[in-house]
Amino acid sequence: MILEVMLNSEKDAVDFVSKITAFPEHVDLSYGHYSVDAKSILGVLGIGVGKKVRLSVYSDDTKTLVESIRGYIAS
């Protein structure tokens, strides 16, 4: 599953990573040709604050994960 997410501040990034790490699925964030593990706070801070980034979730069962990060999904 691929979603666009928006993290507006460092606080959002910390909260986002905290929520993502609660799940066993492998999750990446990418922007342009850069890609980082979405469970890495340093990676997320380096790539994702202040812009729309692509979230790739490598699982067929994503409903609970998506619900937990609903506030960060870009419209």
N, C-alpha and C. Protein backbone atom coordinates (compact mmCIF):
# COMPACT_ATOMS: atom_id res chain seq x y z
N MET A 1 0.85 -1.17 0.00
CA MET A 1 0.00 0.00 0.00
C MET A 1 0.89 1.23 0.00
N ILE A 2 0.51 2.23 -0.78
CA ILE A 2 1.26 3.47 -0.86
C ILE A 2 0.32 4.62 -0.51
N LEU A 3 0.77 5.49 0.40
CA LEU A 3 0.01 6.67 0.82
C LEU A 3 0.93 7.88 0.80
N GLU A 4 0.35 9.06 0.72
CA GLU A 4 1.11 10.28 0.91
C GLU A 4 0.85 10.78 2.32
N VAL A 5 1.92 11.14 3.03
CA VAL A 5 1.77 11.67 4.37
C VAL A 5 2.46 13.02 4.47
N MET A 6 2.02 13.82 5.43
CA MET A 6 2.58 15.14 5.66
C MET A 6 2.90 15.27 7.14
N LEU A 7 4.16 15.53 7.43
CA LEU A 7 4.62 15.75 8.80
C LEU A 7 5.04 17.22 8.88
N ASN A 8 4.30 18.02 9.65
CA ASN A 8 4.52 19.46 9.67
C ASN A 8 5.60 19.93 10.62
N SER A 9 5.98 19.10 11.57
CA SER A 9 6.98 19.53 12.56
C SER A 9 7.78 18.33 13.06
N GLU A 10 8.82 18.63 13.82
CA GLU A 10 9.61 17.56 14.42
C GLU A 10 8.77 16.75 15.40
N LYS A 11 7.86 17.44 16.10
CA LYS A 11 6.97 16.74 17.04
C LYS A 11 6.09 15.74 16.29
N ASP A 12 5.57 16.15 15.13
CA ASP A 12 4.78 15.23 14.29
C ASP A 12 5.62 14.02 13.90
N ALA A 13 6.87 14.25 13.52
CA ALA A 13 7.75 13.15 13.10
C ALA A 13 7.98 12.17 14.23
N VAL A 14 8.21 12.67 15.44
CA VAL A 14 8.43 11.79 16.59
C VAL A 14 7.17 10.98 16.88
N ASP A 15 6.02 11.62 16.85
CA ASP A 15 4.75 10.92 17.10
C ASP A 15 4.48 9.88 16.01
N PHE A 16 4.73 10.24 14.75
CA PHE A 16 4.54 9.34 13.62
C PHE A 16 5.40 8.08 13.77
N VAL A 17 6.68 8.27 14.05
CA VAL A 17 7.59 7.13 14.21
C VAL A 17 7.16 6.27 15.39
N SER A 18 6.73 6.90 16.46
CA SER A 18 6.26 6.16 17.63
C SER A 18 5.08 5.26 17.26
N LYS A 19 4.16 5.77 16.46
CA LYS A 19 2.99 4.98 16.05
C LYS A 19 3.39 3.86 15.09
N ILE A 20 4.26 4.16 14.14
CA ILE A 20 4.68 3.18 13.14
C ILE A 20 5.45 2.02 13.77
N THR A 21 6.30 2.32 14.76
CA THR A 21 7.12 1.26 15.36
C THR A 21 6.30 0.25 16.15
N ALA A 22 5.04 0.56 16.43
CA ALA A 22 4.18 -0.38 17.15
C ALA A 22 3.72 -1.54 16.25
N PHE A 23 3.99 -1.45 14.97
CA PHE A 23 3.54 -2.47 14.02
C PHE A 23 4.72 -3.25 13.46
N PRO A 24 4.51 -4.55 13.18
CA PRO A 24 5.62 -5.37 12.68
C PRO A 24 5.92 -5.18 11.19
N GLU A 25 5.02 -4.56 10.45
CA GLU A 25 5.21 -4.40 9.01
C GLU A 25 6.44 -3.56 8.69
N HIS A 26 7.04 -3.84 7.54
CA HIS A 26 8.14 -3.02 7.04
C HIS A 26 7.52 -1.80 6.36
N VAL A 27 8.01 -0.61 6.70
CA VAL A 27 7.43 0.63 6.19
C VAL A 27 8.56 1.57 5.80
N ASP A 28 8.47 2.14 4.60
CA ASP A 28 9.48 3.09 4.11
C ASP A 28 8.83 4.43 3.81
N LEU A 29 9.62 5.49 3.95
CA LEU A 29 9.23 6.83 3.49
C LEU A 29 10.16 7.20 2.36
N SER A 30 9.61 7.81 1.32
CA SER A 30 10.48 8.23 0.22
C SER A 30 10.07 9.61 -0.27
N TYR A 31 11.08 10.32 -0.76
CA TYR A 31 10.90 11.64 -1.35
C TYR A 31 11.93 11.76 -2.46
N GLY A 32 11.44 11.91 -3.67
CA GLY A 32 12.36 11.91 -4.80
C GLY A 32 13.06 10.57 -4.89
N HIS A 33 14.37 10.59 -4.97
CA HIS A 33 15.12 9.33 -5.05
C HIS A 33 15.67 8.89 -3.69
N TYR A 34 15.25 9.58 -2.61
CA TYR A 34 15.67 9.19 -1.26
C TYR A 34 14.61 8.30 -0.62
N SER A 35 15.04 7.30 0.09
CA SER A 35 14.14 6.39 0.79
C SER A 35 14.75 6.03 2.13
N VAL A 36 13.91 6.04 3.18
CA VAL A 36 14.38 5.71 4.53
C VAL A 36 13.38 4.78 5.20
N ASP A 37 13.85 4.08 6.21
CA ASP A 37 12.99 3.25 7.04
C ASP A 37 12.10 4.19 7.86
N ALA A 38 10.79 4.04 7.77
CA ALA A 38 9.86 4.92 8.48
C ALA A 38 9.90 4.72 9.99
N LYS A 39 10.61 3.71 10.46
CA LYS A 39 10.75 3.47 11.90
C LYS A 39 12.03 4.12 12.45
N SER A 40 12.77 4.80 11.61
CA SER A 40 14.00 5.48 12.00
C SER A 40 13.73 6.96 12.20
N ILE A 41 13.82 7.43 13.44
CA ILE A 41 13.54 8.83 13.71
C ILE A 41 14.51 9.75 12.97
N LEU A 42 15.79 9.38 12.89
CA LEU A 42 16.74 10.22 12.16
C LEU A 42 16.42 10.25 10.67
N GLY A 43 16.05 9.11 10.11
CA GLY A 43 15.68 9.07 8.70
C GLY A 43 14.46 9.91 8.40
N VAL A 44 13.44 9.78 9.24
CA VAL A 44 12.20 10.53 9.04
C VAL A 44 12.45 12.03 9.19
N LEU A 45 13.22 12.42 10.19
CA LEU A 45 13.53 13.84 10.36
C LEU A 45 14.32 14.38 9.17
N GLY A 46 15.18 13.55 8.61
CA GLY A 46 15.99 13.98 7.48
C GLY A 46 15.24 14.09 6.17
N ILE A 47 14.20 13.34 6.02
CA ILE A 47 13.51 13.30 4.73
C ILE A 47 12.11 13.92 4.74
N GLY A 48 11.43 13.87 5.89
CA GLY A 48 10.00 14.08 5.82
C GLY A 48 9.38 15.30 6.41
N VAL A 49 10.08 16.14 7.13
CA VAL A 49 9.42 17.25 7.80
C VAL A 49 9.17 18.41 6.84
N GLY A 50 7.91 18.84 6.78
CA GLY A 50 7.55 20.01 5.99
C GLY A 50 7.21 19.76 4.53
N LYS A 51 7.10 18.50 4.13
CA LYS A 51 6.73 18.21 2.74
C LYS A 51 5.96 16.90 2.67
N LYS A 52 5.21 16.75 1.58
CA LYS A 52 4.50 15.49 1.37
C LYS A 52 5.51 14.43 0.96
N VAL A 53 5.42 13.29 1.63
CA VAL A 53 6.31 12.18 1.31
C VAL A 53 5.47 10.93 1.06
N ARG A 54 6.06 9.97 0.38
CA ARG A 54 5.34 8.74 0.07
C ARG A 54 5.65 7.68 1.13
N LEU A 55 4.60 7.09 1.66
CA LEU A 55 4.71 6.03 2.65
C LEU A 55 4.38 4.71 1.97
N SER A 56 5.30 3.76 2.01
CA SER A 56 5.08 2.44 1.43
C SER A 56 5.01 1.43 2.56
N VAL A 57 3.87 0.73 2.64
CA VAL A 57 3.66 -0.28 3.68
C VAL A 57 3.67 -1.64 2.98
N TYR A 58 4.57 -2.52 3.42
CA TYR A 58 4.73 -3.82 2.78
C TYR A 58 3.97 -4.89 3.56
N SER A 59 2.64 -4.88 3.39
CA SER A 59 1.77 -5.83 4.06
C SER A 59 0.41 -5.80 3.39
N ASP A 60 -0.31 -6.90 3.48
CA ASP A 60 -1.67 -6.94 2.94
C ASP A 60 -2.70 -6.46 3.95
N ASP A 61 -2.37 -6.54 5.24
CA ASP A 61 -3.28 -6.14 6.30
C ASP A 61 -2.81 -4.81 6.89
N THR A 62 -3.32 -3.70 6.37
CA THR A 62 -2.84 -2.38 6.77
C THR A 62 -3.88 -1.54 7.49
N LYS A 63 -5.05 -2.08 7.70
CA LYS A 63 -6.16 -1.28 8.24
C LYS A 63 -5.82 -0.63 9.58
N THR A 64 -5.29 -1.38 10.53
CA THR A 64 -4.99 -0.85 11.86
C THR A 64 -3.87 0.19 11.79
N LEU A 65 -2.85 -0.08 11.00
CA LEU A 65 -1.75 0.87 10.85
C LEU A 65 -2.26 2.18 10.27
N VAL A 66 -3.05 2.10 9.22
CA VAL A 66 -3.58 3.31 8.58
C VAL A 66 -4.45 4.10 9.56
N GLU A 67 -5.25 3.41 10.35
CA GLU A 67 -6.07 4.09 11.35
C GLU A 67 -5.21 4.85 12.36
N SER A 68 -4.09 4.28 12.75
CA SER A 68 -3.25 4.92 13.78
C SER A 68 -2.55 6.17 13.26
N ILE A 69 -2.32 6.27 11.94
CA ILE A 69 -1.64 7.44 11.38
C ILE A 69 -2.57 8.32 10.55
N ARG A 70 -3.86 8.11 10.68
CA ARG A 70 -4.84 8.85 9.86
C ARG A 70 -4.60 10.36 9.86
N GLY A 71 -4.21 10.93 10.97
CA GLY A 71 -4.00 12.37 11.07
C GLY A 71 -2.85 12.90 10.22
N TYR A 72 -1.98 12.03 9.77
CA TYR A 72 -0.84 12.44 8.96
C TYR A 72 -1.01 12.16 7.47
N ILE A 73 -2.09 11.50 7.11
CA ILE A 73 -2.32 11.19 5.69
C ILE A 73 -2.73 12.45 4.96
N ALA A 74 -1.99 12.78 3.90
CA ALA A 74 -2.26 14.00 3.12
C ALA A 74 -3.47 13.79 2.23
N SER A 75 -4.23 14.85 2.09
CA SER A 75 -5.42 14.74 1.22
C SER A 75 -5.13 15.21 -0.18
